[in-house]
Amino acid sequence: KKIIGLSVLQTAIFLFLISLSKVSGGTVPITGPS
């Protein structure tokens, strides 16, 4: 159960990092220099 709790904690951190990286109105960086 402690290992499962660590997995849930890691998933929360992954969600936080992905949430921080989202830019409102941002596009995919492959679209070019425009």
Full PDB file with SEQRES, HELIX, SHEET, SSBOND, CRYST1, ORIGX, SCALE, CONECT and MASTER records, all heavy atoms in Angstrom:
SEQRES   1 A   34  LYS LYS ILE ILE GLY LEU SER VAL LEU GLN THR ALA ILE          
SEQRES   2 A   34  PHE LEU PHE LEU ILE SER LEU SER LYS VAL SER GLY GLY          
SEQRES   3 A   34  THR VAL PRO ILE THR GLY PRO SER                              
HELIX    1 AA1 LYS A    2  SER A   21  1                                  20    
HELIX    2 AA2 PRO A   29  THR A   31  5                                   3    
CRYST1    1.000    1.000    1.000  90.00  90.00  90.00 P 1           1          
ORIGX1      1.000000  0.000000  0.000000        0.00000                         
ORIGX2      0.000000  1.000000  0.000000        0.00000                         
ORIGX3      0.000000  0.000000  1.000000        0.00000                         
SCALE1      1.000000  0.000000  0.000000        0.00000                         
SCALE2      0.000000  1.000000  0.000000        0.00000                         
SCALE3      0.000000  0.000000  1.000000        0.00000                         
ATOM      1  N   LYS A   1       0.830  -1.205   0.000  1.00  0.00           N  
ATOM      2  CA  LYS A   1       0.000   0.000   0.000  1.00  0.00           C  
ATOM      3  C   LYS A   1       0.867   1.259   0.000  1.00  0.00           C  
ATOM      4  O   LYS A   1       0.496   2.266  -0.595  1.00  0.00           O  
ATOM      5  CB  LYS A   1      -0.945   0.000   1.193  1.00  0.00           C  
ATOM      6  CG  LYS A   1      -2.053  -1.015   1.069  1.00  0.00           C  
ATOM      7  CD  LYS A   1      -2.976  -0.970   2.255  1.00  0.00           C  
ATOM      8  CE  LYS A   1      -4.053  -2.033   2.147  1.00  0.00           C  
ATOM      9  NZ  LYS A   1      -4.932  -2.052   3.317  1.00  0.00           N  
ATOM     10  N   LYS A   2       2.015   1.199   0.661  1.00  0.00           N  
ATOM     11  CA  LYS A   2       2.928   2.343   0.629  1.00  0.00           C  
ATOM     12  C   LYS A   2       3.460   2.582  -0.780  1.00  0.00           C  
ATOM     13  O   LYS A   2       3.565   3.723  -1.221  1.00  0.00           O  
ATOM     14  CB  LYS A   2       4.095   2.120   1.586  1.00  0.00           C  
ATOM     15  CG  LYS A   2       3.731   2.283   3.031  1.00  0.00           C  
ATOM     16  CD  LYS A   2       4.959   2.106   3.901  1.00  0.00           C  
ATOM     17  CE  LYS A   2       4.590   2.107   5.346  1.00  0.00           C  
ATOM     18  NZ  LYS A   2       4.799   3.393   5.982  1.00  0.00           N  
ATOM     19  N   ILE A   3       3.747   1.510  -1.510  1.00  0.00           N  
ATOM     20  CA  ILE A   3       4.219   1.649  -2.884  1.00  0.00           C  
ATOM     21  C   ILE A   3       3.109   2.221  -3.775  1.00  0.00           C  
ATOM     22  O   ILE A   3       3.361   3.075  -4.629  1.00  0.00           O  
ATOM     23  CB  ILE A   3       4.705   0.281  -3.421  1.00  0.00           C  
ATOM     24  CG1 ILE A   3       5.907  -0.208  -2.626  1.00  0.00           C  
ATOM     25  CG2 ILE A   3       5.041   0.355  -4.900  1.00  0.00           C  
ATOM     26  CD1 ILE A   3       7.109   0.678  -2.720  1.00  0.00           C  
ATOM     27  N   ILE A   4       1.873   1.780  -3.552  1.00  0.00           N  
ATOM     28  CA  ILE A   4       0.749   2.325  -4.315  1.00  0.00           C  
ATOM     29  C   ILE A   4       0.566   3.808  -3.992  1.00  0.00           C  
ATOM     30  O   ILE A   4       0.304   4.622  -4.878  1.00  0.00           O  
ATOM     31  CB  ILE A   4      -0.530   1.522  -4.035  1.00  0.00           C  
ATOM     32  CG1 ILE A   4      -0.393   0.120  -4.620  1.00  0.00           C  
ATOM     33  CG2 ILE A   4      -1.767   2.221  -4.590  1.00  0.00           C  
ATOM     34  CD1 ILE A   4      -1.487  -0.831  -4.234  1.00  0.00           C  
ATOM     35  N   GLY A   5       0.725   4.180  -2.719  1.00  0.00           N  
ATOM     36  CA  GLY A   5       0.642   5.589  -2.335  1.00  0.00           C  
ATOM     37  C   GLY A   5       1.725   6.426  -2.994  1.00  0.00           C  
ATOM     38  O   GLY A   5       1.471   7.550  -3.432  1.00  0.00           O  
ATOM     39  N   LEU A   6       2.933   5.878  -3.088  1.00  0.00           N  
ATOM     40  CA  LEU A   6       4.005   6.593  -3.790  1.00  0.00           C  
ATOM     41  C   LEU A   6       3.683   6.759  -5.266  1.00  0.00           C  
ATOM     42  O   LEU A   6       3.991   7.796  -5.864  1.00  0.00           O  
ATOM     43  CB  LEU A   6       5.331   5.853  -3.621  1.00  0.00           C  
ATOM     44  CG  LEU A   6       6.044   6.045  -2.290  1.00  0.00           C  
ATOM     45  CD1 LEU A   6       7.267   5.147  -2.212  1.00  0.00           C  
ATOM     46  CD2 LEU A   6       6.444   7.485  -2.120  1.00  0.00           C  
ATOM     47  N   SER A   7       3.062   5.750  -5.854  1.00  0.00           N  
ATOM     48  CA  SER A   7       2.666   5.845  -7.260  1.00  0.00           C  
ATOM     49  C   SER A   7       1.624   6.935  -7.468  1.00  0.00           C  
ATOM     50  O   SER A   7       1.691   7.693  -8.442  1.00  0.00           O  
ATOM     51  CB  SER A   7       2.137   4.495  -7.730  1.00  0.00           C  
ATOM     52  OG  SER A   7       1.675   4.585  -9.042  1.00  0.00           O  
ATOM     53  N   VAL A   8       0.660   7.029  -6.565  1.00  0.00           N  
ATOM     54  CA  VAL A   8      -0.360   8.086  -6.658  1.00  0.00           C  
ATOM     55  C   VAL A   8       0.289   9.450  -6.475  1.00  0.00           C  
ATOM     56  O   VAL A   8      -0.041  10.416  -7.186  1.00  0.00           O  
ATOM     57  CB  VAL A   8      -1.483   7.848  -5.626  1.00  0.00           C  
ATOM     58  CG1 VAL A   8      -2.427   9.032  -5.550  1.00  0.00           C  
ATOM     59  CG2 VAL A   8      -2.243   6.584  -5.958  1.00  0.00           C  
ATOM     60  N   LEU A   9       1.238   9.557  -5.562  1.00  0.00           N  
ATOM     61  CA  LEU A   9       1.954  10.816  -5.344  1.00  0.00           C  
ATOM     62  C   LEU A   9       2.751  11.210  -6.583  1.00  0.00           C  
ATOM     63  O   LEU A   9       2.763  12.387  -6.975  1.00  0.00           O  
ATOM     64  CB  LEU A   9       2.873  10.672  -4.130  1.00  0.00           C  
ATOM     65  CG  LEU A   9       3.549  11.911  -3.593  1.00  0.00           C  
ATOM     66  CD1 LEU A   9       2.525  12.913  -3.104  1.00  0.00           C  
ATOM     67  CD2 LEU A   9       4.484  11.543  -2.472  1.00  0.00           C  
ATOM     68  N   GLN A  10       3.398  10.258  -7.226  1.00  0.00           N  
ATOM     69  CA  GLN A  10       4.141  10.544  -8.454  1.00  0.00           C  
ATOM     70  C   GLN A  10       3.200  10.980  -9.573  1.00  0.00           C  
ATOM     71  O   GLN A  10       3.522  11.903 -10.332  1.00  0.00           O  
ATOM     72  CB  GLN A  10       4.924   9.321  -8.898  1.00  0.00           C  
ATOM     73  CG  GLN A  10       6.122   9.028  -8.039  1.00  0.00           C  
ATOM     74  CD  GLN A  10       6.808   7.729  -8.427  1.00  0.00           C  
ATOM     75  OE1 GLN A  10       6.251   6.907  -9.138  1.00  0.00           O  
ATOM     76  NE2 GLN A  10       8.024   7.565  -7.956  1.00  0.00           N  
ATOM     77  N   THR A  11       2.043  10.351  -9.655  1.00  0.00           N  
ATOM     78  CA  THR A  11       1.071  10.737 -10.672  1.00  0.00           C  
ATOM     79  C   THR A  11       0.605  12.173 -10.451  1.00  0.00           C  
ATOM     80  O   THR A  11       0.427  12.931 -11.419  1.00  0.00           O  
ATOM     81  CB  THR A  11      -0.130   9.782 -10.642  1.00  0.00           C  
ATOM     82  OG1 THR A  11       0.346   8.451 -10.835  1.00  0.00           O  
ATOM     83  CG2 THR A  11      -1.139  10.126 -11.705  1.00  0.00           C  
ATOM     84  N   ALA A  12       0.440  12.559  -9.209  1.00  0.00           N  
ATOM     85  CA  ALA A  12       0.050  13.938  -8.905  1.00  0.00           C  
ATOM     86  C   ALA A  12       1.130  14.917  -9.351  1.00  0.00           C  
ATOM     87  O   ALA A  12       0.822  15.967  -9.927  1.00  0.00           O  
ATOM     88  CB  ALA A  12      -0.214  14.094  -7.406  1.00  0.00           C  
ATOM     89  N   ILE A  13       2.373  14.568  -9.141  1.00  0.00           N  
ATOM     90  CA  ILE A  13       3.469  15.454  -9.557  1.00  0.00           C  
ATOM     91  C   ILE A  13       3.543  15.541 -11.078  1.00  0.00           C  
ATOM     92  O   ILE A  13       3.783  16.620 -11.627  1.00  0.00           O  
ATOM     93  CB  ILE A  13       4.785  14.969  -8.933  1.00  0.00           C  
ATOM     94  CG1 ILE A  13       4.731  15.163  -7.421  1.00  0.00           C  
ATOM     95  CG2 ILE A  13       5.979  15.704  -9.525  1.00  0.00           C  
ATOM     96  CD1 ILE A  13       5.858  14.531  -6.670  1.00  0.00           C  
ATOM     97  N   PHE A  14       3.303  14.425 -11.764  1.00  0.00           N  
ATOM     98  CA  PHE A  14       3.282  14.453 -13.224  1.00  0.00           C  
ATOM     99  C   PHE A  14       2.176  15.378 -13.728  1.00  0.00           C  
ATOM    100  O   PHE A  14       2.395  16.175 -14.654  1.00  0.00           O  
ATOM    101  CB  PHE A  14       3.081  13.054 -13.802  1.00  0.00           C  
ATOM    102  CG  PHE A  14       4.161  12.068 -13.448  1.00  0.00           C  
ATOM    103  CD1 PHE A  14       3.891  10.722 -13.457  1.00  0.00           C  
ATOM    104  CD2 PHE A  14       5.431  12.481 -13.116  1.00  0.00           C  
ATOM    105  CE1 PHE A  14       4.872   9.803 -13.148  1.00  0.00           C  
ATOM    106  CE2 PHE A  14       6.425  11.574 -12.783  1.00  0.00           C  
ATOM    107  CZ  PHE A  14       6.138  10.232 -12.800  1.00  0.00           C  
ATOM    108  N   LEU A  15       1.001  15.275 -13.127  1.00  0.00           N  
ATOM    109  CA  LEU A  15      -0.114  16.142 -13.502  1.00  0.00           C  
ATOM    110  C   LEU A  15       0.233  17.605 -13.269  1.00  0.00           C  
ATOM    111  O   LEU A  15      -0.068  18.474 -14.099  1.00  0.00           O  
ATOM    112  CB  LEU A  15      -1.376  15.764 -12.722  1.00  0.00           C  
ATOM    113  CG  LEU A  15      -2.592  16.659 -12.924  1.00  0.00           C  
ATOM    114  CD1 LEU A  15      -3.118  16.531 -14.341  1.00  0.00           C  
ATOM    115  CD2 LEU A  15      -3.663  16.324 -11.921  1.00  0.00           C  
ATOM    116  N   PHE A  16       0.897  17.890 -12.165  1.00  0.00           N  
ATOM    117  CA  PHE A  16       1.277  19.268 -11.847  1.00  0.00           C  
ATOM    118  C   PHE A  16       2.257  19.812 -12.876  1.00  0.00           C  
ATOM    119  O   PHE A  16       2.116  20.949 -13.346  1.00  0.00           O  
ATOM    120  CB  PHE A  16       1.877  19.321 -10.442  1.00  0.00           C  
ATOM    121  CG  PHE A  16       2.302  20.688 -10.013  1.00  0.00           C  
ATOM    122  CD1 PHE A  16       1.370  21.690  -9.825  1.00  0.00           C  
ATOM    123  CD2 PHE A  16       3.631  20.978  -9.790  1.00  0.00           C  
ATOM    124  CE1 PHE A  16       1.757  22.958  -9.420  1.00  0.00           C  
ATOM    125  CE2 PHE A  16       4.029  22.236  -9.387  1.00  0.00           C  
ATOM    126  CZ  PHE A  16       3.091  23.224  -9.204  1.00  0.00           C  
ATOM    127  N   LEU A  17       3.259  19.016 -13.244  1.00  0.00           N  
ATOM    128  CA  LEU A  17       4.246  19.488 -14.217  1.00  0.00           C  
ATOM    129  C   LEU A  17       3.620  19.721 -15.589  1.00  0.00           C  
ATOM    130  O   LEU A  17       3.935  20.708 -16.263  1.00  0.00           O  
ATOM    131  CB  LEU A  17       5.393  18.486 -14.327  1.00  0.00           C  
ATOM    132  CG  LEU A  17       6.317  18.412 -13.119  1.00  0.00           C  
ATOM    133  CD1 LEU A  17       7.326  17.288 -13.292  1.00  0.00           C  
ATOM    134  CD2 LEU A  17       7.035  19.727 -12.923  1.00  0.00           C  
ATOM    135  N   ILE A  18       2.727  18.831 -15.996  1.00  0.00           N  
ATOM    136  CA  ILE A  18       2.050  19.017 -17.284  1.00  0.00           C  
ATOM    137  C   ILE A  18       1.131  20.242 -17.229  1.00  0.00           C  
ATOM    138  O   ILE A  18       1.034  21.000 -18.192  1.00  0.00           O  
ATOM    139  CB  ILE A  18       1.265  17.747 -17.675  1.00  0.00           C  
ATOM    140  CG1 ILE A  18       2.221  16.595 -17.939  1.00  0.00           C  
ATOM    141  CG2 ILE A  18       0.374  17.989 -18.870  1.00  0.00           C  
ATOM    142  CD1 ILE A  18       3.124  16.780 -19.118  1.00  0.00           C  
ATOM    143  N   SER A  19       0.469  20.446 -16.097  1.00  0.00           N  
ATOM    144  CA  SER A  19      -0.418  21.605 -15.962  1.00  0.00           C  
ATOM    145  C   SER A  19       0.355  22.914 -16.001  1.00  0.00           C  
ATOM    146  O   SER A  19      -0.121  23.907 -16.555  1.00  0.00           O  
ATOM    147  CB  SER A  19      -1.203  21.518 -14.651  1.00  0.00           C  
ATOM    148  OG  SER A  19      -2.032  20.394 -14.646  1.00  0.00           O  
ATOM    149  N   LEU A  20       1.541  22.927 -15.430  1.00  0.00           N  
ATOM    150  CA  LEU A  20       2.350  24.143 -15.461  1.00  0.00           C  
ATOM    151  C   LEU A  20       2.849  24.472 -16.857  1.00  0.00           C  
ATOM    152  O   LEU A  20       3.057  25.640 -17.199  1.00  0.00           O  
ATOM    153  CB  LEU A  20       3.553  24.002 -14.525  1.00  0.00           C  
ATOM    154  CG  LEU A  20       3.295  24.164 -13.039  1.00  0.00           C  
ATOM    155  CD1 LEU A  20       4.599  23.986 -12.273  1.00  0.00           C  
ATOM    156  CD2 LEU A  20       2.710  25.525 -12.740  1.00  0.00           C  
ATOM    157  N   SER A  21       3.053  23.452 -17.677  1.00  0.00           N  
ATOM    158  CA  SER A  21       3.648  23.698 -18.986  1.00  0.00           C  
ATOM    159  C   SER A  21       2.633  24.150 -20.034  1.00  0.00           C  
ATOM    160  O   SER A  21       3.021  24.547 -21.126  1.00  0.00           O  
ATOM    161  CB  SER A  21       4.355  22.441 -19.482  1.00  0.00           C  
ATOM    162  OG  SER A  21       3.422  21.426 -19.746  1.00  0.00           O  
ATOM    163  N   LYS A  22       1.346  24.086 -19.718  1.00  0.00           N  
ATOM    164  CA  LYS A  22       0.325  24.497 -20.682  1.00  0.00           C  
ATOM    165  C   LYS A  22       0.298  26.016 -20.796  1.00  0.00           C  
ATOM    166  O   LYS A  22       0.233  26.736 -19.809  1.00  0.00           O  
ATOM    167  CB  LYS A  22      -1.053  23.976 -20.244  1.00  0.00           C  
ATOM    168  CG  LYS A  22      -2.192  24.442 -21.104  1.00  0.00           C  
ATOM    169  CD  LYS A  22      -2.092  23.878 -22.492  1.00  0.00           C  
ATOM    170  CE  LYS A  22      -3.254  24.355 -23.340  1.00  0.00           C  
ATOM    171  NZ  LYS A  22      -2.824  24.921 -24.589  1.00  0.00           N  
ATOM    172  N   VAL A  23       0.339  26.488 -22.048  1.00  0.00           N  
ATOM    173  CA  VAL A  23       0.271  27.912 -22.336  1.00  0.00           C  
ATOM    174  C   VAL A  23      -1.074  28.197 -22.989  1.00  0.00           C  
ATOM    175  O   VAL A  23      -1.424  27.561 -23.983  1.00  0.00           O  
ATOM    176  CB  VAL A  23       1.421  28.339 -23.274  1.00  0.00           C  
ATOM    177  CG1 VAL A  23       1.302  29.799 -23.653  1.00  0.00           C  
ATOM    178  CG2 VAL A  23       2.759  28.063 -22.626  1.00  0.00           C  
ATOM    179  N   SER A  24      -1.835  29.108 -22.434  1.00  0.00           N  
ATOM    180  CA  SER A  24      -3.140  29.444 -23.008  1.00  0.00           C  
ATOM    181  C   SER A  24      -2.958  30.101 -24.370  1.00  0.00           C  
ATOM    182  O   SER A  24      -2.235  31.082 -24.508  1.00  0.00           O  
ATOM    183  CB  SER A  24      -3.903  30.384 -22.088  1.00  0.00           C  
ATOM    184  OG  SER A  24      -4.194  29.754 -20.868  1.00  0.00           O  
ATOM    185  N   GLY A  25      -3.607  29.514 -25.362  1.00  0.00           N  
ATOM    186  CA  GLY A  25      -3.495  30.067 -26.713  1.00  0.00           C  
ATOM    187  C   GLY A  25      -2.244  29.632 -27.437  1.00  0.00           C  
ATOM    188  O   GLY A  25      -1.997  30.080 -28.548  1.00  0.00           O  
ATOM    189  N   GLY A  26      -1.454  28.785 -26.836  1.00  0.00           N  
ATOM    190  CA  GLY A  26      -0.217  28.336 -27.454  1.00  0.00           C  
ATOM    191  C   GLY A  26      -0.462  27.269 -28.498  1.00  0.00           C  
ATOM    192  O   GLY A  26      -1.426  26.514 -28.430  1.00  0.00           O  
ATOM    193  N   THR A  27       0.423  27.210 -29.464  1.00  0.00           N  
ATOM    194  CA  THR A  27       0.312  26.221 -30.524  1.00  0.00           C  
ATOM    195  C   THR A  27       1.395  25.157 -30.356  1.00  0.00           C  
ATOM    196  O   THR A  27       2.217  25.233 -29.449  1.00  0.00           O  
ATOM    197  CB  THR A  27       0.459  26.878 -31.906  1.00  0.00           C  
ATOM    198  OG1 THR A  27       1.768  27.460 -31.985  1.00  0.00           O  
ATOM    199  CG2 THR A  27      -0.592  27.942 -32.129  1.00  0.00           C  
ATOM    200  N   VAL A  28       1.392  24.210 -31.258  1.00  0.00           N  
ATOM    201  CA  VAL A  28       2.416  23.174 -31.266  1.00  0.00           C  
ATOM    202  C   VAL A  28       3.716  23.792 -31.772  1.00  0.00           C  
ATOM    203  O   VAL A  28       3.707  24.558 -32.738  1.00  0.00           O  
ATOM    204  CB  VAL A  28       1.967  22.008 -32.187  1.00  0.00           C  
ATOM    205  CG1 VAL A  28       2.994  20.906 -32.188  1.00  0.00           C  
ATOM    206  CG2 VAL A  28       0.619  21.498 -31.765  1.00  0.00           C  
ATOM    207  N   PRO A  29       4.873  23.503 -31.160  1.00  0.00           N  
ATOM    208  CA  PRO A  29       6.115  24.168 -31.581  1.00  0.00           C  
ATOM    209  C   PRO A  29       6.610  23.722 -32.956  1.00  0.00           C  
ATOM    210  O   PRO A  29       7.535  24.313 -33.495  1.00  0.00           O  
ATOM    211  CB  PRO A  29       7.104  23.789 -30.489  1.00  0.00           C  
ATOM    212  CG  PRO A  29       6.556  22.595 -29.838  1.00  0.00           C  
ATOM    213  CD  PRO A  29       5.075  22.678 -29.980  1.00  0.00           C  
ATOM    214  N   ILE A  30       5.981  22.731 -33.578  1.00  0.00           N  
ATOM    215  CA  ILE A  30       6.442  22.238 -34.878  1.00  0.00           C  
ATOM    216  C   ILE A  30       5.892  23.085 -36.026  1.00  0.00           C  
ATOM    217  O   ILE A  30       6.319  22.956 -37.163  1.00  0.00           O  
ATOM    218  CB  ILE A  30       6.031  20.751 -35.039  1.00  0.00           C  
ATOM    219  CG1 ILE A  30       6.646  19.945 -33.903  1.00  0.00           C  
ATOM    220  CG2 ILE A  30       6.456  20.169 -36.352  1.00  0.00           C  
ATOM    221  CD1 ILE A  30       6.213  18.518 -33.850  1.00  0.00           C  
ATOM    222  N   THR A  31       4.964  23.976 -35.733  1.00  0.00           N  
ATOM    223  CA  THR A  31       4.310  24.739 -36.808  1.00  0.00           C  
ATOM    224  C   THR A  31       5.259  25.671 -37.552  1.00  0.00           C  
ATOM    225  O   THR A  31       4.900  26.179 -38.587  1.00  0.00           O  
ATOM    226  CB  THR A  31       3.139  25.559 -36.236  1.00  0.00           C  
ATOM    227  OG1 THR A  31       3.627  26.419 -35.217  1.00  0.00           O  
ATOM    228  CG2 THR A  31       2.053  24.645 -35.704  1.00  0.00           C  
ATOM    229  N   GLY A  32       6.424  25.892 -37.057  1.00  0.00           N  
ATOM    230  CA  GLY A  32       7.397  26.722 -37.770  1.00  0.00           C  
ATOM    231  C   GLY A  32       7.702  28.008 -37.043  1.00  0.00           C  
ATOM    232  O   GLY A  32       7.167  28.287 -35.966  1.00  0.00           O  
ATOM    233  N   PRO A  33       8.570  28.808 -37.609  1.00  0.00           N  
ATOM    234  CA  PRO A  33       8.986  30.058 -36.943  1.00  0.00           C  
ATOM    235  C   PRO A  33       7.901  31.123 -36.922  1.00  0.00           C  
ATOM    236  O   PRO A  33       8.047  32.131 -36.252  1.00  0.00           O  
ATOM    237  CB  PRO A  33      10.176  30.516 -37.767  1.00  0.00           C  
ATOM    238  CG  PRO A  33      10.009  29.884 -39.102  1.00  0.00           C  
ATOM    239  CD  PRO A  33       9.275  28.597 -38.874  1.00  0.00           C  
ATOM    240  N   SER A  34       6.797  30.907 -37.646  1.00  0.00           N  
ATOM    241  CA  SER A  34       5.741  31.928 -37.671  1.00  0.00           C  
ATOM    242  C   SER A  34       4.922  31.944 -36.380  1.00  0.00           C  
ATOM    243  O   SER A  34       4.220  32.904 -36.114  1.00  0.00           O  
ATOM    244  CB  SER A  34       4.820  31.697 -38.869  1.00  0.00           C  
ATOM    245  OG  SER A  34       4.177  30.441 -38.737  1.00  0.00           O  
TER     246      SER A  34                                                      
MASTER        0    0    0    2    0    0    0    6  245    1    0    3          
END                                                                             
